Amino acid sequence: YPQKGFRQNISVKAKYYIDRLKGVLSYYDSENLDTTTLFSRGQINPQIAQQDMAIIGLGALGSMLSEVLSRIGVESLSLYDSDVFLFSNSARHILNLDSNGKNKSQQIKEKIIKNNPNLQVKCYSDLTLDNIRSLEKNDIVIDCSASSEVLSVLDTYTFKKDKLFVIASMNYGATDFIIYFYKGKKFDNEDY
């Protein structure tokens, strides 16, 4: 019998399909994956969730941040890292041993869209002078790479619109956490 909420008067076309199935219709439980349902608890401000974000560097810090952002309702995320995941990374990373030898950005994408099926994720190699224009669409650029080369690349390009640059890193041994915010069309490496 149809579950509660289904109409009793089935159309002729529907009856045809039921007859073809020999009168047996299977019903399955389902859940609403709309963002208002999926993130009814713990969602960040929608104005922030709608910002197009990029994370450069998907080590311990960048991978954790990507997972948190996926769980709190961010809608669009670009991931930059060309490294492969190694067994030695597993103690401090969101990926597990199944990802050994595989590209970090692609593996993280596959993991975080399971947290948020509405999340749009694009993967890129490391940020370089050749692909820096790909950041044009991003509103927030978060550098977790701890790489002076990335900062130099960011310093060379002037974007068409203001961006919020967030530089986040931990020192060797993870005894100190450093975070820096800068808003503008061009990241100023000298100011940092």
N, C-alpha and C. Protein backbone atom coordinates (compact mmCIF):
# COMPACT_ATOMS: atom_id res chain seq x y z
N TYR A 1 0.84 -1.19 0.00
CA TYR A 1 0.00 0.00 0.00
C TYR A 1 0.88 1.25 0.00
N PRO A 2 0.42 2.28 -0.68
CA PRO A 2 1.23 3.52 -0.65
C PRO A 2 1.33 4.06 0.75
N GLN A 3 2.47 4.65 1.04
CA GLN A 3 2.67 5.25 2.35
C GLN A 3 1.82 6.51 2.47
N LYS A 4 1.64 6.98 3.69
CA LYS A 4 0.86 8.18 3.96
C LYS A 4 1.40 9.35 3.13
N GLY A 5 0.50 10.09 2.51
CA GLY A 5 0.89 11.24 1.72
C GLY A 5 0.81 10.99 0.23
N PHE A 6 0.61 9.73 -0.20
CA PHE A 6 0.49 9.42 -1.62
C PHE A 6 -0.98 9.43 -2.02
N ARG A 7 -1.24 9.89 -3.23
CA ARG A 7 -2.63 9.96 -3.72
C ARG A 7 -3.18 8.56 -3.95
N GLN A 8 -4.45 8.44 -3.70
CA GLN A 8 -5.13 7.16 -3.92
C GLN A 8 -5.48 6.96 -5.39
N ASN A 9 -5.74 8.07 -6.11
CA ASN A 9 -6.14 7.95 -7.52
C ASN A 9 -4.90 8.05 -8.41
N ILE A 10 -4.38 6.92 -8.81
CA ILE A 10 -3.16 6.85 -9.62
C ILE A 10 -3.54 7.03 -11.08
N SER A 11 -2.73 7.77 -11.81
CA SER A 11 -3.00 8.02 -13.23
C SER A 11 -2.91 6.72 -14.03
N VAL A 12 -3.44 6.75 -15.26
CA VAL A 12 -3.43 5.58 -16.15
C VAL A 12 -1.98 5.18 -16.45
N LYS A 13 -1.12 6.17 -16.70
CA LYS A 13 0.29 5.89 -17.00
C LYS A 13 0.96 5.20 -15.80
N ALA A 14 0.68 5.69 -14.61
CA ALA A 14 1.26 5.08 -13.41
C ALA A 14 0.75 3.66 -13.23
N LYS A 15 -0.55 3.42 -13.51
CA LYS A 15 -1.11 2.07 -13.39
C LYS A 15 -0.42 1.13 -14.37
N TYR A 16 -0.10 1.64 -15.59
CA TYR A 16 0.59 0.83 -16.57
C TYR A 16 1.94 0.36 -16.02
N TYR A 17 2.69 1.28 -15.43
CA TYR A 17 3.99 0.92 -14.88
C TYR A 17 3.87 -0.04 -13.70
N ILE A 18 2.84 0.15 -12.89
CA ILE A 18 2.61 -0.77 -11.77
C ILE A 18 2.29 -2.16 -12.31
N ASP A 19 1.44 -2.24 -13.34
CA ASP A 19 1.12 -3.53 -13.95
C ASP A 19 2.36 -4.20 -14.52
N ARG A 20 3.25 -3.41 -15.14
CA ARG A 20 4.48 -3.96 -15.71
C ARG A 20 5.39 -4.52 -14.62
N LEU A 21 5.30 -3.97 -13.41
CA LEU A 21 6.10 -4.45 -12.29
C LEU A 21 5.39 -5.56 -11.52
N LYS A 22 4.32 -6.04 -12.10
CA LYS A 22 3.51 -7.11 -11.50
C LYS A 22 2.89 -6.66 -10.17
N GLY A 23 2.48 -5.40 -10.14
CA GLY A 23 1.76 -4.90 -8.99
C GLY A 23 2.61 -4.61 -7.77
N VAL A 24 3.93 -4.74 -7.89
CA VAL A 24 4.78 -4.53 -6.73
C VAL A 24 5.53 -3.21 -6.89
N LEU A 25 5.33 -2.33 -5.95
CA LEU A 25 6.09 -1.07 -5.91
C LEU A 25 6.88 -1.05 -4.62
N SER A 26 8.15 -0.76 -4.73
CA SER A 26 8.99 -0.67 -3.54
C SER A 26 9.03 0.77 -3.07
N TYR A 27 8.92 0.97 -1.78
CA TYR A 27 9.02 2.31 -1.19
C TYR A 27 10.28 2.37 -0.35
N TYR A 28 10.97 3.48 -0.45
CA TYR A 28 12.22 3.66 0.28
C TYR A 28 12.15 4.92 1.12
N ASP A 29 12.79 4.87 2.28
CA ASP A 29 12.91 6.07 3.09
C ASP A 29 13.86 7.03 2.40
N SER A 30 13.56 8.31 2.50
CA SER A 30 14.44 9.31 1.91
C SER A 30 14.51 10.51 2.85
N GLU A 31 15.51 11.34 2.62
CA GLU A 31 15.67 12.55 3.41
C GLU A 31 15.88 13.73 2.49
N ASN A 32 15.47 14.88 2.95
CA ASN A 32 15.61 16.11 2.19
C ASN A 32 17.03 16.63 2.34
N LEU A 33 17.76 16.79 1.22
CA LEU A 33 19.13 17.29 1.26
C LEU A 33 19.21 18.76 0.87
N ASP A 34 18.10 19.46 0.96
CA ASP A 34 18.11 20.90 0.72
C ASP A 34 18.98 21.56 1.79
N THR A 35 19.68 22.62 1.43
CA THR A 35 20.61 23.25 2.36
C THR A 35 19.93 23.72 3.64
N THR A 36 18.68 24.16 3.55
CA THR A 36 18.00 24.63 4.77
C THR A 36 17.75 23.47 5.74
N THR A 37 17.59 22.26 5.23
CA THR A 37 17.42 21.08 6.08
C THR A 37 18.78 20.52 6.51
N LEU A 38 19.67 20.39 5.54
CA LEU A 38 20.98 19.79 5.80
C LEU A 38 21.78 20.59 6.82
N PHE A 39 21.66 21.91 6.77
CA PHE A 39 22.45 22.77 7.66
C PHE A 39 21.56 23.56 8.63
N SER A 40 20.48 22.95 9.09
CA SER A 40 19.60 23.66 10.00
C SER A 40 20.28 23.93 11.34
N ARG A 41 21.28 23.15 11.67
CA ARG A 41 22.07 23.38 12.88
C ARG A 41 23.52 23.58 12.48
N GLY A 42 24.13 24.65 12.92
CA GLY A 42 25.55 24.86 12.69
C GLY A 42 25.92 25.56 11.40
N GLN A 43 24.93 26.05 10.66
CA GLN A 43 25.24 26.75 9.41
C GLN A 43 25.78 28.14 9.71
N ILE A 44 26.77 28.56 8.92
CA ILE A 44 27.28 29.92 9.06
C ILE A 44 26.33 30.89 8.37
N ASN A 45 26.57 32.16 8.58
CA ASN A 45 25.78 33.21 7.96
C ASN A 45 25.71 32.98 6.45
N PRO A 46 24.51 33.01 5.85
CA PRO A 46 24.38 32.77 4.41
C PRO A 46 25.23 33.72 3.55
N GLN A 47 25.45 34.93 4.02
CA GLN A 47 26.30 35.85 3.25
C GLN A 47 27.73 35.33 3.15
N ILE A 48 28.19 34.65 4.17
CA ILE A 48 29.53 34.06 4.14
C ILE A 48 29.50 32.76 3.34
N ALA A 49 28.47 31.96 3.54
CA ALA A 49 28.37 30.67 2.83
C ALA A 49 28.33 30.86 1.32
N GLN A 50 27.80 31.98 0.86
CA GLN A 50 27.69 32.24 -0.57
C GLN A 50 28.96 32.83 -1.18
N GLN A 51 29.94 33.12 -0.36
CA GLN A 51 31.22 33.62 -0.87
C GLN A 51 31.97 32.47 -1.54
N ASP A 52 32.56 32.74 -2.68
CA ASP A 52 33.34 31.74 -3.39
C ASP A 52 34.73 31.70 -2.76
N MET A 53 35.12 30.56 -2.19
CA MET A 53 36.35 30.46 -1.42
C MET A 53 37.38 29.57 -2.10
N ALA A 54 38.65 29.88 -1.84
CA ALA A 54 39.76 29.05 -2.33
C ALA A 54 40.67 28.72 -1.16
N ILE A 55 41.14 27.49 -1.13
CA ILE A 55 42.14 27.07 -0.15
C ILE A 55 43.37 26.62 -0.91
N ILE A 56 44.50 27.25 -0.60
CA ILE A 56 45.77 26.91 -1.22
C ILE A 56 46.58 26.13 -0.18
N GLY A 57 46.93 24.90 -0.50
CA GLY A 57 47.69 24.05 0.42
C GLY A 57 46.75 23.17 1.21
N LEU A 58 46.81 21.88 0.97
CA LEU A 58 45.87 20.94 1.61
C LEU A 58 46.59 19.94 2.51
N GLY A 59 47.50 20.48 3.32
CA GLY A 59 48.15 19.67 4.33
C GLY A 59 47.23 19.54 5.53
N ALA A 60 47.80 19.45 6.71
CA ALA A 60 47.02 19.28 7.94
C ALA A 60 46.00 20.40 8.11
N LEU A 61 46.43 21.64 8.02
CA LEU A 61 45.54 22.78 8.25
C LEU A 61 44.53 22.96 7.12
N GLY A 62 44.99 22.96 5.88
CA GLY A 62 44.11 23.17 4.73
C GLY A 62 43.06 22.08 4.58
N SER A 63 43.45 20.84 4.85
CA SER A 63 42.48 19.73 4.73
C SER A 63 41.40 19.84 5.81
N MET A 64 41.81 20.15 7.04
CA MET A 64 40.83 20.31 8.13
C MET A 64 39.87 21.46 7.83
N LEU A 65 40.42 22.57 7.34
CA LEU A 65 39.60 23.73 7.01
C LEU A 65 38.60 23.40 5.90
N SER A 66 39.03 22.67 4.89
CA SER A 66 38.12 22.30 3.80
C SER A 66 36.96 21.45 4.32
N GLU A 67 37.26 20.56 5.25
CA GLU A 67 36.19 19.73 5.80
C GLU A 67 35.21 20.56 6.63
N VAL A 68 35.73 21.44 7.47
CA VAL A 68 34.86 22.28 8.29
C VAL A 68 33.98 23.16 7.40
N LEU A 69 34.56 23.78 6.39
CA LEU A 69 33.79 24.64 5.49
C LEU A 69 32.68 23.85 4.78
N SER A 70 32.98 22.61 4.41
CA SER A 70 31.95 21.79 3.76
C SER A 70 30.80 21.47 4.72
N ARG A 71 31.11 21.31 5.99
CA ARG A 71 30.10 20.93 6.98
C ARG A 71 29.24 22.10 7.46
N ILE A 72 29.72 23.33 7.28
CA ILE A 72 28.94 24.47 7.77
C ILE A 72 28.19 25.20 6.65
N GLY A 73 28.21 24.62 5.45
CA GLY A 73 27.33 25.13 4.41
C GLY A 73 27.95 26.01 3.34
N VAL A 74 29.27 26.06 3.23
CA VAL A 74 29.89 26.82 2.15
C VAL A 74 29.44 26.21 0.83
N GLU A 75 29.15 27.06 -0.16
CA GLU A 75 28.57 26.59 -1.42
C GLU A 75 29.59 26.34 -2.52
N SER A 76 30.73 27.04 -2.51
CA SER A 76 31.70 26.92 -3.59
C SER A 76 33.12 26.99 -3.04
N LEU A 77 33.93 26.02 -3.44
CA LEU A 77 35.28 25.91 -2.90
C LEU A 77 36.24 25.47 -4.01
N SER A 78 37.36 26.20 -4.12
CA SER A 78 38.44 25.82 -5.04
C SER A 78 39.60 25.31 -4.20
N LEU A 79 40.16 24.17 -4.60
CA LEU A 79 41.24 23.53 -3.85
C LEU A 79 42.51 23.53 -4.69
N TYR A 80 43.62 24.01 -4.11
CA TYR A 80 44.90 24.09 -4.81
C TYR A 80 45.95 23.26 -4.09
N ASP A 81 46.36 22.17 -4.70
CA ASP A 81 47.47 21.36 -4.19
C ASP A 81 47.77 20.27 -5.20
N SER A 82 49.01 20.12 -5.58
CA SER A 82 49.38 19.07 -6.54
C SER A 82 50.04 17.88 -5.86
N ASP A 83 50.23 17.95 -4.55
CA ASP A 83 50.89 16.86 -3.83
C ASP A 83 50.02 15.62 -3.77
N VAL A 84 50.68 14.50 -3.55
CA VAL A 84 49.96 13.25 -3.31
C VAL A 84 49.98 12.97 -1.81
N PHE A 85 48.96 12.28 -1.36
CA PHE A 85 48.86 11.91 0.05
C PHE A 85 49.79 10.73 0.33
N LEU A 86 50.51 10.79 1.44
CA LEU A 86 51.42 9.72 1.84
C LEU A 86 51.00 9.15 3.20
N PHE A 87 51.32 7.89 3.44
CA PHE A 87 51.00 7.26 4.73
C PHE A 87 51.46 8.12 5.90
N SER A 88 52.61 8.75 5.76
CA SER A 88 53.17 9.54 6.86
C SER A 88 52.32 10.76 7.20
N ASN A 89 51.38 11.14 6.32
CA ASN A 89 50.49 12.28 6.59
C ASN A 89 49.26 11.91 7.40
N SER A 90 48.99 10.64 7.57
CA SER A 90 47.67 10.22 8.07
C SER A 90 47.36 10.65 9.51
N ALA A 91 48.34 10.88 10.33
CA ALA A 91 48.08 11.25 11.73
C ALA A 91 47.50 12.66 11.84
N ARG A 92 47.77 13.52 10.88
CA ARG A 92 47.36 14.92 11.01
C ARG A 92 46.52 15.40 9.82
N HIS A 93 45.88 14.51 9.15
CA HIS A 93 45.17 14.85 7.91
C HIS A 93 43.79 14.24 7.92
N ILE A 94 42.85 14.81 7.13
CA ILE A 94 41.50 14.24 7.08
C ILE A 94 41.43 13.00 6.19
N LEU A 95 42.41 12.83 5.30
CA LEU A 95 42.41 11.65 4.45
C LEU A 95 42.94 10.45 5.22
N ASN A 96 42.59 9.26 4.75
CA ASN A 96 43.06 8.05 5.43
C ASN A 96 43.95 7.23 4.49
N LEU A 97 44.30 6.04 4.90
CA LEU A 97 45.27 5.22 4.17
C LEU A 97 44.77 4.82 2.78
N ASP A 98 43.46 4.85 2.55
CA ASP A 98 42.93 4.54 1.22
C ASP A 98 43.40 5.55 0.17
N SER A 99 43.81 6.73 0.61
CA SER A 99 44.23 7.79 -0.32
C SER A 99 45.72 7.78 -0.60
N ASN A 100 46.45 6.83 -0.07
CA ASN A 100 47.90 6.80 -0.24
C ASN A 100 48.29 6.85 -1.73
N GLY A 101 49.17 7.79 -2.06
CA GLY A 101 49.67 7.91 -3.43
C GLY A 101 48.74 8.64 -4.38
N LYS A 102 47.61 9.12 -3.89
CA LYS A 102 46.63 9.80 -4.75
C LYS A 102 46.67 11.31 -4.50
N ASN A 103 46.25 12.09 -5.50
CA ASN A 103 46.26 13.54 -5.42
C ASN A 103 45.39 14.04 -4.26
N LYS A 104 45.97 14.88 -3.40
CA LYS A 104 45.25 15.39 -2.23
C LYS A 104 43.99 16.15 -2.61
N SER A 105 44.08 17.06 -3.57
CA SER A 105 42.91 17.90 -3.86
C SER A 105 41.75 17.06 -4.38
N GLN A 106 42.02 16.09 -5.24
CA GLN A 106 40.94 15.25 -5.76
C GLN A 106 40.35 14.36 -4.67
N GLN A 107 41.20 13.81 -3.82
CA GLN A 107 40.73 12.96 -2.73
C GLN A 107 39.90 13.74 -1.71
N ILE A 108 40.34 14.95 -1.40
CA ILE A 108 39.58 15.79 -0.46
C ILE A 108 38.24 16.18 -1.07
N LYS A 109 38.23 16.50 -2.35
CA LYS A 109 36.97 16.82 -3.02
C LYS A 109 35.98 15.67 -2.85
N GLU A 110 36.43 14.45 -3.14
CA GLU A 110 35.55 13.29 -3.03
C GLU A 110 35.04 13.11 -1.60
N LYS A 111 35.87 13.41 -0.63
CA LYS A 111 35.46 13.27 0.78
C LYS A 111 34.48 14.35 1.21
N ILE A 112 34.76 15.62 0.88
CA ILE A 112 33.92 16.70 1.43
C ILE A 112 32.58 16.84 0.73
N ILE A 113 32.46 16.39 -0.52
CA ILE A 113 31.12 16.46 -1.14
C ILE A 113 30.19 15.41 -0.54
N LYS A 114 30.74 14.46 0.18
CA LYS A 114 29.88 13.52 0.92
C LYS A 114 29.29 14.20 2.16
N ASN A 115 29.97 15.24 2.67
CA ASN A 115 29.43 16.03 3.78
C ASN A 115 28.37 16.99 3.29
N ASN A 116 28.55 17.49 2.07
CA ASN A 116 27.69 18.54 1.54
C ASN A 116 27.51 18.32 0.05
N PRO A 117 26.46 17.57 -0.35
CA PRO A 117 26.28 17.26 -1.77
C PRO A 117 25.96 18.49 -2.62
N ASN A 118 25.65 19.61 -1.99
CA ASN A 118 25.36 20.85 -2.72
C ASN A 118 26.62 21.66 -2.99
N LEU A 119 27.74 21.25 -2.43
CA LEU A 119 28.99 21.99 -2.55
C LEU A 119 29.59 21.83 -3.95
N GLN A 120 29.96 22.96 -4.55
CA GLN A 120 30.65 22.96 -5.84
C GLN A 120 32.15 23.04 -5.56
N VAL A 121 32.92 22.04 -6.00
CA VAL A 121 34.36 21.99 -5.73
C VAL A 121 35.11 21.88 -7.04
N LYS A 122 36.14 22.73 -7.18
CA LYS A 122 37.05 22.64 -8.32
C LYS A 122 38.45 22.40 -7.78
N CYS A 123 39.19 21.53 -8.46
CA CYS A 123 40.55 21.19 -8.05
C CYS A 123 41.57 21.77 -9.03
N TYR A 124 42.65 22.28 -8.48
CA TYR A 124 43.74 22.85 -9.27
C TYR A 124 45.05 22.32 -8.73
N SER A 125 46.10 22.45 -9.54
CA SER A 125 47.44 22.12 -9.06
C SER A 125 47.88 23.26 -8.14
N ASP A 126 49.14 23.30 -7.79
CA ASP A 126 49.66 24.39 -6.96
C ASP A 126 49.39 25.73 -7.64
N LEU A 127 49.27 26.78 -6.84
CA LEU A 127 49.08 28.12 -7.38
C LEU A 127 50.40 28.61 -7.99
N THR A 128 50.35 29.00 -9.25
CA THR A 128 51.54 29.50 -9.95
C THR A 128 51.17 30.74 -10.75
N LEU A 129 52.17 31.37 -11.34
CA LEU A 129 51.92 32.52 -12.21
C LEU A 129 51.06 32.12 -13.40
N ASP A 130 51.12 30.87 -13.83
CA ASP A 130 50.34 30.40 -14.98
C ASP A 130 48.85 30.25 -14.68
N ASN A 131 48.49 29.97 -13.43
CA ASN A 131 47.06 29.74 -13.13
C ASN A 131 46.48 30.71 -12.10
N ILE A 132 47.19 31.78 -11.77
CA ILE A 132 46.68 32.70 -10.74
C ILE A 132 45.36 33.35 -11.15
N ARG A 133 45.14 33.49 -12.45
CA ARG A 133 43.87 34.09 -12.91
C ARG A 133 42.66 33.27 -12.48
N SER A 134 42.86 32.00 -12.18
CA SER A 134 41.75 31.15 -11.73
C SER A 134 41.17 31.63 -10.40
N LEU A 135 41.92 32.45 -9.66
CA LEU A 135 41.43 33.01 -8.39
C LEU A 135 40.51 34.21 -8.60
N GLU A 136 40.39 34.72 -9.83
CA GLU A 136 39.56 35.90 -10.10
C GLU A 136 38.15 35.73 -9.56
N LYS A 137 37.59 34.54 -9.68
CA LYS A 137 36.19 34.30 -9.27
C LYS A 137 36.04 34.18 -7.76
N ASN A 138 37.12 33.95 -7.05
CA ASN A 138 37.02 33.75 -5.60
C ASN A 138 36.92 35.07 -4.85
N ASP A 139 36.09 35.07 -3.80
CA ASP A 139 35.94 36.24 -2.93
C ASP A 139 36.90 36.17 -1.76
N ILE A 140 37.16 34.95 -1.29
CA ILE A 140 38.04 34.73 -0.14
C ILE A 140 39.13 33.75 -0.56
N VAL A 141 40.38 34.14 -0.36
CA VAL A 141 41.53 33.29 -0.71
C VAL A 141 42.26 32.97 0.58
N ILE A 142 42.31 31.68 0.92
CA ILE A 142 42.92 31.23 2.17
C ILE A 142 44.18 30.44 1.83
N ASP A 143 45.32 30.96 2.24
CA ASP A 143 46.59 30.27 1.98
C ASP A 143 47.02 29.51 3.22
N CYS A 144 47.01 28.18 3.12
CA CYS A 144 47.46 27.31 4.21
C CYS A 144 48.73 26.57 3.80
N SER A 145 49.41 27.06 2.79
CA SER A 145 50.55 26.34 2.24
C SER A 145 51.85 26.55 3.03
N ALA A 146 51.93 27.63 3.79
CA ALA A 146 53.17 28.01 4.49
C ALA A 146 54.33 28.13 3.50
N SER A 147 54.01 28.56 2.29
CA SER A 147 55.01 28.66 1.23
C SER A 147 55.26 30.12 0.87
N SER A 148 56.51 30.54 0.94
CA SER A 148 56.85 31.90 0.52
C SER A 148 56.67 32.06 -0.98
N GLU A 149 56.77 30.97 -1.75
CA GLU A 149 56.54 31.02 -3.20
C GLU A 149 55.10 31.40 -3.51
N VAL A 150 54.15 30.85 -2.77
CA VAL A 150 52.74 31.18 -2.98
C VAL A 150 52.51 32.66 -2.67
N LEU A 151 53.08 33.15 -1.59
CA LEU A 151 52.93 34.57 -1.24
C LEU A 151 53.51 35.46 -2.33
N SER A 152 54.62 35.06 -2.91
CA SER A 152 55.23 35.83 -4.00
C SER A 152 54.34 35.84 -5.23
N VAL A 153 53.71 34.71 -5.54
CA VAL A 153 52.79 34.63 -6.68
C VAL A 153 51.59 35.54 -6.43
N LEU A 154 51.02 35.49 -5.22
CA LEU A 154 49.89 36.36 -4.89
C LEU A 154 50.27 37.83 -5.00
N ASP A 155 51.49 38.16 -4.67
CA ASP A 155 51.98 39.54 -4.67
C ASP A 155 52.15 40.10 -6.09
N THR A 156 52.26 39.23 -7.09
CA THR A 156 52.54 39.69 -8.46
C THR A 156 51.30 40.08 -9.24
N TYR A 157 50.11 39.72 -8.77
CA TYR A 157 48.89 39.87 -9.58
C TYR A 157 47.92 40.85 -8.93
N THR A 158 47.33 41.71 -9.74
CA THR A 158 46.28 42.62 -9.27
C THR A 158 44.94 42.10 -9.78
N PHE A 159 44.03 41.82 -8.87
CA PHE A 159 42.72 41.27 -9.22
C PHE A 159 41.75 42.39 -9.59
N LYS A 160 40.69 42.04 -10.29
CA LYS A 160 39.70 43.02 -10.74
C LYS A 160 38.83 43.52 -9.60
N LYS A 161 38.62 42.70 -8.59
CA LYS A 161 37.79 43.10 -7.44
C LYS A 161 38.52 42.75 -6.14
N ASP A 162 38.11 43.42 -5.07
CA ASP A 162 38.71 43.17 -3.77
C ASP A 162 38.49 41.72 -3.34
N LYS A 163 39.47 41.19 -2.66
CA LYS A 163 39.40 39.85 -2.08
C LYS A 163 39.81 39.92 -0.63
N LEU A 164 39.31 39.01 0.16
CA LEU A 164 39.81 38.84 1.51
C LEU A 164 40.88 37.76 1.44
N PHE A 165 42.12 38.14 1.74
CA PHE A 165 43.23 37.20 1.78
C PHE A 165 43.42 36.77 3.24
N VAL A 166 43.47 35.48 3.46
CA VAL A 166 43.71 34.94 4.79
C VAL A 166 44.93 34.04 4.68
N ILE A 167 45.96 34.36 5.44
CA ILE A 167 47.16 33.55 5.47
C ILE A 167 47.18 32.85 6.82
N ALA A 168 47.18 31.53 6.81
CA ALA A 168 47.12 30.76 8.05
C ALA A 168 48.21 29.69 8.02
N SER A 169 48.96 29.60 9.10
CA SER A 169 50.00 28.58 9.17
C SER A 169 50.35 28.27 10.62
N MET A 170 50.98 27.13 10.77
CA MET A 170 51.52 26.72 12.07
C MET A 170 53.03 26.62 11.92
N ASN A 171 53.73 26.90 12.99
CA ASN A 171 55.18 26.77 12.91
C ASN A 171 55.58 25.30 13.06
N TYR A 172 56.87 25.04 12.88
CA TYR A 172 57.38 23.68 13.01
C TYR A 172 57.11 23.19 14.44
N GLY A 173 56.52 22.05 14.57
CA GLY A 173 56.17 21.52 15.88
C GLY A 173 54.78 21.92 16.33
N ALA A 174 54.12 22.77 15.54
CA ALA A 174 52.74 23.20 15.82
C ALA A 174 52.58 23.82 17.21
N THR A 175 53.57 24.61 17.63
CA THR A 175 53.45 25.29 18.92
C THR A 175 52.85 26.67 18.79
N ASP A 176 52.88 27.24 17.58
CA ASP A 176 52.29 28.56 17.34
C ASP A 176 51.42 28.52 16.10
N PHE A 177 50.33 29.29 16.14
CA PHE A 177 49.42 29.43 15.02
C PHE A 177 49.44 30.88 14.57
N ILE A 178 49.63 31.10 13.29
CA ILE A 178 49.73 32.45 12.75
C ILE A 178 48.58 32.65 11.77
N ILE A 179 47.86 33.75 11.92
CA ILE A 179 46.79 34.07 10.98
C ILE A 179 46.86 35.56 10.65
N TYR A 180 46.70 35.86 9.37
CA TYR A 180 46.83 37.22 8.88
C TYR A 180 45.69 37.48 7.89
N PHE A 181 45.04 38.63 8.02
CA PHE A 181 43.95 39.02 7.13
C PHE A 181 44.35 40.26 6.36
N TYR A 182 43.99 40.29 5.07
CA TYR A 182 44.25 41.47 4.26
C TYR A 182 43.15 41.55 3.21
N LYS A 183 42.57 42.74 3.02
CA LYS A 183 41.54 42.91 2.00
C LYS A 183 42.03 43.90 0.97
N GLY A 184 41.90 43.53 -0.30
CA GLY A 184 42.30 44.40 -1.38
C GLY A 184 42.33 43.66 -2.70
N LYS A 185 42.69 44.38 -3.75
CA LYS A 185 42.79 43.79 -5.09
C LYS A 185 44.14 43.13 -5.31
N LYS A 186 45.09 43.44 -4.45
CA LYS A 186 46.44 42.90 -4.59
C LYS A 186 46.95 42.54 -3.19
N PHE A 187 47.47 41.34 -3.06
CA PHE A 187 48.07 40.95 -1.79
C PHE A 187 49.42 41.63 -1.65
N ASP A 188 49.65 42.22 -0.51
CA ASP A 188 50.90 42.94 -0.27
C ASP A 188 51.83 42.08 0.59
N ASN A 189 52.75 41.39 -0.07
CA ASN A 189 53.67 40.49 0.63
C ASN A 189 54.59 41.25 1.57
N GLU A 190 54.91 42.49 1.21
CA GLU A 190 55.78 43.30 2.06
C GLU A 190 55.08 43.66 3.38
N ASP A 191 53.80 43.94 3.30
CA ASP A 191 53.01 44.28 4.50
C ASP A 191 52.89 43.08 5.42
N TYR A 192 52.83 41.89 4.83
CA TYR A 192 52.70 40.66 5.60
C TYR A 192 53.97 40.41 6.40
